[in-house]
N, C-alpha and C. Protein backbone atom coordinates (compact mmCIF):
# COMPACT_ATOMS: atom_id res chain seq x y z
N UNK A 1 147.75 140.11 49.83
CA UNK A 1 147.04 141.18 49.18
C UNK A 1 145.77 141.45 49.97
N UNK A 2 145.56 142.70 50.25
CA UNK A 2 144.36 143.07 51.00
C UNK A 2 143.14 143.01 50.09
N UNK A 3 141.96 142.90 50.67
CA UNK A 3 140.75 142.93 49.84
C UNK A 3 140.63 144.22 49.02
N UNK A 4 141.07 145.34 49.59
CA UNK A 4 141.01 146.61 48.87
C UNK A 4 141.95 146.59 47.66
N UNK A 5 143.17 146.09 47.86
CA UNK A 5 144.13 146.00 46.76
C UNK A 5 143.63 145.03 45.69
N UNK A 6 142.99 143.96 46.11
CA UNK A 6 142.44 143.01 45.14
C UNK A 6 141.42 143.70 44.24
N UNK A 7 140.53 144.47 44.82
CA UNK A 7 139.51 145.16 44.03
C UNK A 7 140.13 146.16 43.05
N UNK A 8 141.16 146.85 43.49
CA UNK A 8 141.84 147.80 42.61
C UNK A 8 142.46 147.04 41.43
N UNK A 9 143.17 145.95 41.72
CA UNK A 9 143.80 145.15 40.66
C UNK A 9 142.75 144.55 39.73
N UNK A 10 141.68 144.07 40.30
CA UNK A 10 140.59 143.49 39.50
C UNK A 10 140.04 144.53 38.53
N UNK A 11 139.78 145.73 39.03
CA UNK A 11 139.23 146.79 38.17
C UNK A 11 140.22 147.20 37.09
N UNK A 12 141.49 147.34 37.45
CA UNK A 12 142.52 147.64 36.44
C UNK A 12 142.55 146.55 35.38
N UNK A 13 142.54 145.30 35.81
CA UNK A 13 142.63 144.18 34.87
C UNK A 13 141.43 144.16 33.92
N UNK A 14 140.24 144.36 34.45
CA UNK A 14 139.05 144.36 33.60
C UNK A 14 139.08 145.51 32.59
N UNK A 15 139.52 146.68 33.02
CA UNK A 15 139.61 147.82 32.11
C UNK A 15 140.67 147.58 31.03
N UNK A 16 141.82 147.07 31.43
CA UNK A 16 142.88 146.78 30.47
C UNK A 16 142.44 145.72 29.47
N UNK A 17 141.76 144.70 29.95
CA UNK A 17 141.32 143.63 29.06
C UNK A 17 140.28 144.15 28.07
N UNK A 18 139.35 144.95 28.53
CA UNK A 18 138.35 145.52 27.62
C UNK A 18 139.03 146.37 26.56
N UNK A 19 139.97 147.20 26.96
CA UNK A 19 140.69 148.04 26.00
C UNK A 19 141.47 147.17 25.02
N UNK A 20 142.15 146.15 25.53
CA UNK A 20 142.91 145.25 24.66
C UNK A 20 142.02 144.54 23.65
N UNK A 21 140.84 144.12 24.09
CA UNK A 21 139.90 143.48 23.16
C UNK A 21 139.44 144.45 22.08
N UNK A 22 139.17 145.69 22.46
CA UNK A 22 138.74 146.69 21.48
C UNK A 22 139.82 146.95 20.44
N UNK A 23 141.04 147.14 20.88
CA UNK A 23 142.16 147.39 19.96
C UNK A 23 142.39 146.18 19.07
N UNK A 24 142.38 144.99 19.65
CA UNK A 24 142.59 143.78 18.86
C UNK A 24 141.52 143.64 17.78
N UNK A 25 140.27 143.87 18.14
CA UNK A 25 139.18 143.73 17.17
C UNK A 25 139.32 144.72 16.01
N UNK A 26 139.83 145.90 16.29
CA UNK A 26 140.08 146.88 15.23
C UNK A 26 141.09 146.35 14.20
N UNK A 27 141.88 145.38 14.62
CA UNK A 27 142.90 144.79 13.74
C UNK A 27 142.55 143.37 13.31
N UNK A 28 141.27 142.99 13.48
CA UNK A 28 140.82 141.69 13.00
C UNK A 28 141.15 140.53 13.93
N UNK A 29 141.40 140.84 15.19
CA UNK A 29 141.80 139.81 16.15
C UNK A 29 140.87 139.79 17.35
N UNK A 30 140.82 138.64 17.99
CA UNK A 30 140.12 138.49 19.27
C UNK A 30 141.16 138.24 20.34
N UNK A 31 141.23 139.12 21.32
CA UNK A 31 142.08 138.88 22.49
C UNK A 31 141.25 138.02 23.42
N UNK A 32 141.64 136.75 23.57
CA UNK A 32 140.79 135.82 24.32
C UNK A 32 141.23 135.60 25.76
N UNK A 33 142.50 135.72 26.02
CA UNK A 33 142.94 135.71 27.41
C UNK A 33 144.34 136.29 27.50
N UNK A 34 144.69 136.67 28.71
CA UNK A 34 145.97 137.31 28.95
C UNK A 34 146.26 137.27 30.44
N UNK A 35 147.39 137.81 30.81
CA UNK A 35 147.71 137.94 32.23
C UNK A 35 148.26 139.33 32.48
N UNK A 36 148.03 139.82 33.67
CA UNK A 36 148.57 141.10 34.10
C UNK A 36 149.29 140.87 35.41
N UNK A 37 150.40 141.56 35.57
CA UNK A 37 151.14 141.48 36.83
C UNK A 37 151.19 142.87 37.43
N UNK A 38 150.77 142.96 38.68
CA UNK A 38 150.73 144.23 39.39
C UNK A 38 151.70 144.20 40.56
N UNK A 39 152.17 145.34 40.92
CA UNK A 39 153.01 145.51 42.09
C UNK A 39 152.72 146.87 42.70
N UNK A 40 153.53 147.24 43.65
CA UNK A 40 153.38 148.55 44.27
C UNK A 40 154.69 149.32 44.13
N UNK A 41 154.56 150.61 43.86
CA UNK A 41 155.76 151.43 43.80
C UNK A 41 156.17 151.83 45.22
N UNK A 42 157.20 152.68 45.31
CA UNK A 42 157.74 153.03 46.63
C UNK A 42 156.73 153.82 47.48
N UNK A 43 155.70 154.37 46.85
CA UNK A 43 154.69 155.10 47.62
C UNK A 43 153.49 154.22 47.99
N UNK A 44 153.50 152.96 47.50
CA UNK A 44 152.40 152.05 47.78
C UNK A 44 151.32 152.05 46.72
N UNK A 45 151.51 152.83 45.65
CA UNK A 45 150.53 152.86 44.57
C UNK A 45 150.65 151.60 43.72
N UNK A 46 149.51 150.98 43.39
CA UNK A 46 149.48 149.78 42.56
C UNK A 46 149.77 150.18 41.11
N UNK A 47 150.65 149.41 40.46
CA UNK A 47 151.00 149.70 39.07
C UNK A 47 151.30 148.39 38.34
N UNK A 48 151.25 148.47 37.01
CA UNK A 48 151.65 147.33 36.18
C UNK A 48 153.15 147.13 36.32
N UNK A 49 153.59 145.86 36.36
CA UNK A 49 155.02 145.62 36.51
C UNK A 49 155.59 144.74 35.41
N UNK A 50 154.82 144.47 34.36
CA UNK A 50 155.31 143.62 33.28
C UNK A 50 154.60 144.02 32.00
N UNK A 51 155.05 143.42 30.89
CA UNK A 51 154.44 143.72 29.59
C UNK A 51 153.00 143.25 29.57
N UNK A 52 152.21 143.85 28.67
CA UNK A 52 150.82 143.41 28.52
C UNK A 52 150.49 143.22 27.05
N UNK A 53 149.57 142.31 26.81
CA UNK A 53 148.99 142.03 25.49
C UNK A 53 150.02 141.60 24.45
N UNK A 54 151.10 141.00 24.89
CA UNK A 54 152.09 140.45 23.96
C UNK A 54 151.74 138.98 23.68
N UNK A 55 152.30 138.39 22.63
CA UNK A 55 152.01 136.97 22.38
C UNK A 55 152.59 136.05 23.47
N UNK A 56 153.49 136.56 24.29
CA UNK A 56 154.00 135.75 25.40
C UNK A 56 153.00 135.67 26.55
N UNK A 57 152.18 136.70 26.68
CA UNK A 57 151.26 136.73 27.82
C UNK A 57 149.79 136.65 27.41
N UNK A 58 149.53 136.51 26.12
CA UNK A 58 148.14 136.58 25.64
C UNK A 58 147.90 135.56 24.54
N UNK A 59 146.62 135.27 24.34
CA UNK A 59 146.22 134.45 23.19
C UNK A 59 145.30 135.28 22.31
N UNK A 60 145.60 135.25 21.01
CA UNK A 60 144.80 135.96 20.01
C UNK A 60 144.25 134.97 19.01
N UNK A 61 142.99 135.16 18.63
CA UNK A 61 142.36 134.37 17.58
C UNK A 61 142.00 135.29 16.43
N UNK A 62 141.93 134.74 15.23
CA UNK A 62 141.56 135.51 14.05
C UNK A 62 140.04 135.69 14.05
N UNK A 63 139.58 136.93 14.08
CA UNK A 63 138.14 137.21 14.20
C UNK A 63 137.36 136.72 12.98
N UNK A 64 137.92 136.90 11.79
CA UNK A 64 137.21 136.59 10.55
C UNK A 64 136.82 135.12 10.43
N UNK A 65 137.65 134.23 10.95
CA UNK A 65 137.39 132.79 10.80
C UNK A 65 136.83 132.14 12.06
N UNK A 66 136.69 132.90 13.12
CA UNK A 66 136.30 132.33 14.41
C UNK A 66 134.97 131.57 14.35
N UNK A 67 133.91 132.22 13.90
CA UNK A 67 132.59 131.58 13.93
C UNK A 67 132.53 130.35 13.03
N UNK A 68 133.11 130.44 11.86
CA UNK A 68 133.10 129.31 10.92
C UNK A 68 133.83 128.11 11.52
N UNK A 69 134.99 128.36 12.11
CA UNK A 69 135.77 127.25 12.68
C UNK A 69 135.07 126.66 13.89
N UNK A 70 134.47 127.49 14.72
CA UNK A 70 133.76 126.98 15.88
C UNK A 70 132.55 126.15 15.45
N UNK A 71 131.83 126.61 14.43
CA UNK A 71 130.67 125.87 13.93
C UNK A 71 131.07 124.51 13.38
N UNK A 72 132.29 124.44 12.84
CA UNK A 72 132.81 123.18 12.30
C UNK A 72 133.52 122.36 13.37
N UNK A 73 133.43 122.82 14.62
CA UNK A 73 134.07 122.15 15.76
C UNK A 73 135.58 122.03 15.58
N UNK A 74 136.16 123.10 15.04
CA UNK A 74 137.61 123.19 14.85
C UNK A 74 138.17 124.25 15.81
N UNK A 75 139.44 124.09 16.12
CA UNK A 75 140.08 125.12 16.94
C UNK A 75 140.16 126.42 16.15
N UNK A 76 140.03 127.54 16.83
CA UNK A 76 140.13 128.82 16.12
C UNK A 76 141.54 129.02 15.54
N UNK A 77 141.59 129.74 14.41
CA UNK A 77 142.90 130.17 13.91
C UNK A 77 143.47 131.10 14.97
N UNK A 78 144.73 130.88 15.31
CA UNK A 78 145.28 131.67 16.41
C UNK A 78 146.66 132.21 16.08
N UNK A 79 147.05 133.21 16.83
CA UNK A 79 148.39 133.77 16.75
C UNK A 79 148.92 133.79 18.18
N UNK A 80 149.40 132.67 18.62
CA UNK A 80 149.94 132.59 19.97
C UNK A 80 150.90 131.42 20.05
N UNK A 81 151.38 131.15 21.23
CA UNK A 81 152.37 130.08 21.40
C UNK A 81 151.77 128.80 21.96
N UNK A 82 150.45 128.69 21.92
CA UNK A 82 149.77 127.51 22.47
C UNK A 82 150.27 126.22 21.82
N UNK A 83 150.50 126.25 20.50
CA UNK A 83 150.97 125.05 19.81
C UNK A 83 152.32 124.58 20.37
N UNK A 84 153.17 125.53 20.75
CA UNK A 84 154.48 125.18 21.30
C UNK A 84 154.33 124.62 22.72
N UNK A 85 153.44 125.20 23.49
CA UNK A 85 153.16 124.69 24.83
C UNK A 85 152.65 123.25 24.74
N UNK A 86 151.74 122.98 23.79
CA UNK A 86 151.22 121.62 23.61
C UNK A 86 152.33 120.66 23.21
N UNK A 87 153.26 121.11 22.38
CA UNK A 87 154.38 120.25 21.98
C UNK A 87 155.20 119.87 23.21
N UNK A 88 155.52 120.84 24.05
CA UNK A 88 156.30 120.54 25.26
C UNK A 88 155.56 119.55 26.15
N UNK A 89 154.27 119.74 26.32
CA UNK A 89 153.49 118.83 27.16
C UNK A 89 153.50 117.41 26.59
N UNK A 90 153.54 117.30 25.27
CA UNK A 90 153.58 115.96 24.65
C UNK A 90 154.95 115.31 24.78
N UNK A 91 155.97 116.10 25.07
CA UNK A 91 157.34 115.59 25.13
C UNK A 91 157.87 115.38 26.55
N UNK A 92 157.29 116.10 27.51
CA UNK A 92 157.82 116.07 28.87
C UNK A 92 156.79 116.66 29.83
N UNK A 93 157.20 116.84 31.06
CA UNK A 93 156.38 117.55 32.03
C UNK A 93 157.04 118.90 32.26
N UNK A 94 156.66 119.92 31.46
CA UNK A 94 157.37 121.20 31.52
C UNK A 94 157.24 121.93 32.85
N UNK A 95 156.31 121.50 33.68
CA UNK A 95 156.12 122.17 34.96
C UNK A 95 156.95 121.54 36.08
N UNK A 96 157.48 120.34 35.82
CA UNK A 96 158.24 119.66 36.86
C UNK A 96 159.62 119.17 36.41
N UNK A 97 159.80 118.92 35.11
CA UNK A 97 161.10 118.44 34.64
C UNK A 97 162.14 119.55 34.74
N UNK A 98 163.32 119.17 35.18
CA UNK A 98 164.39 120.15 35.32
C UNK A 98 164.94 120.55 33.95
N UNK A 99 165.11 119.58 33.07
CA UNK A 99 165.64 119.83 31.74
C UNK A 99 164.54 119.61 30.71
N UNK A 100 164.36 120.57 29.84
CA UNK A 100 163.34 120.47 28.80
C UNK A 100 164.00 120.17 27.45
N UNK A 101 163.30 119.45 26.59
CA UNK A 101 163.86 119.16 25.27
C UNK A 101 163.90 120.43 24.42
N UNK A 102 164.80 120.44 23.47
CA UNK A 102 164.89 121.55 22.52
C UNK A 102 163.84 121.34 21.43
N UNK A 103 162.99 122.33 21.20
CA UNK A 103 161.98 122.15 20.15
C UNK A 103 162.62 122.13 18.77
N UNK A 104 162.00 121.44 17.84
CA UNK A 104 162.54 121.39 16.48
C UNK A 104 162.57 122.78 15.85
N UNK A 105 163.51 123.02 14.96
CA UNK A 105 163.62 124.34 14.32
C UNK A 105 162.32 124.81 13.65
N UNK A 106 161.56 123.87 13.07
CA UNK A 106 160.33 124.30 12.40
C UNK A 106 159.30 124.88 13.38
N UNK A 107 159.31 124.40 14.62
CA UNK A 107 158.41 124.98 15.62
C UNK A 107 158.88 126.37 16.05
N UNK A 108 160.18 126.52 16.19
CA UNK A 108 160.73 127.83 16.54
C UNK A 108 160.45 128.83 15.42
N UNK A 109 160.61 128.39 14.18
CA UNK A 109 160.32 129.26 13.04
C UNK A 109 158.84 129.63 12.98
N UNK A 110 157.98 128.68 13.28
CA UNK A 110 156.54 128.96 13.29
C UNK A 110 156.19 129.97 14.38
N UNK A 111 156.83 129.84 15.52
CA UNK A 111 156.59 130.80 16.60
C UNK A 111 157.01 132.20 16.14
N UNK A 112 158.16 132.31 15.51
CA UNK A 112 158.62 133.59 15.00
C UNK A 112 157.65 134.15 13.97
N UNK A 113 157.17 133.29 13.07
CA UNK A 113 156.23 133.73 12.05
C UNK A 113 154.96 134.31 12.68
N UNK A 114 154.47 133.66 13.71
CA UNK A 114 153.25 134.12 14.37
C UNK A 114 153.48 135.45 15.10
N UNK A 115 154.61 135.58 15.76
CA UNK A 115 154.90 136.83 16.46
C UNK A 115 155.02 137.98 15.47
N UNK A 116 155.67 137.73 14.33
CA UNK A 116 155.81 138.76 13.30
C UNK A 116 154.44 139.10 12.73
N UNK A 117 153.63 138.11 12.48
CA UNK A 117 152.27 138.33 11.97
C UNK A 117 151.47 139.21 12.92
N UNK A 118 151.54 138.93 14.21
CA UNK A 118 150.82 139.72 15.20
C UNK A 118 151.33 141.16 15.20
N UNK A 119 152.64 141.32 15.15
CA UNK A 119 153.22 142.66 15.10
C UNK A 119 152.68 143.44 13.90
N UNK A 120 152.70 142.81 12.73
CA UNK A 120 152.27 143.48 11.51
C UNK A 120 150.78 143.80 11.53
N UNK A 121 149.96 142.89 12.06
CA UNK A 121 148.53 143.16 12.14
C UNK A 121 148.23 144.31 13.11
N UNK A 122 148.89 144.32 14.24
CA UNK A 122 148.60 145.32 15.27
C UNK A 122 149.17 146.69 14.94
N UNK A 123 150.31 146.73 14.27
CA UNK A 123 150.94 148.03 14.00
C UNK A 123 150.63 148.56 12.61
N UNK A 124 150.23 147.65 11.69
CA UNK A 124 150.04 148.06 10.31
C UNK A 124 151.34 148.29 9.58
N UNK A 125 152.43 147.89 10.19
CA UNK A 125 153.77 148.07 9.60
C UNK A 125 154.40 146.72 9.30
N UNK A 126 155.27 146.73 8.31
CA UNK A 126 156.02 145.52 7.97
C UNK A 126 157.16 145.34 8.98
N UNK A 127 157.32 144.12 9.44
CA UNK A 127 158.42 143.80 10.37
C UNK A 127 159.73 143.84 9.62
N UNK A 128 160.72 144.47 10.20
CA UNK A 128 162.05 144.54 9.56
C UNK A 128 163.09 143.86 10.40
């Protein structure tokens, strides 16, 4: 990546993140981190090449309880898959093991519940 392309991607990422934080806050959420993937089209123009601000690529915290939980030295209430990542790390080395264990059904159900909750908060619609 050239220095010029880096600056373009950096500026796009900062603008997208600011917009994502504004939208999330309107729905009672804090977008605390995310990832963006950029590529170039056939003309060489830099463009997004993957989804953005989804629970797979982002971490969201509940804005209403954030300060209280932090003051109590507790983890923020969140809507993301961090709990599942931590489970895998406690069970294996997910970055190097060839075969990963199957998570228990209750963890899979919790992940689904969180994804549905995020959908409903962000869209204002009931998940069907």
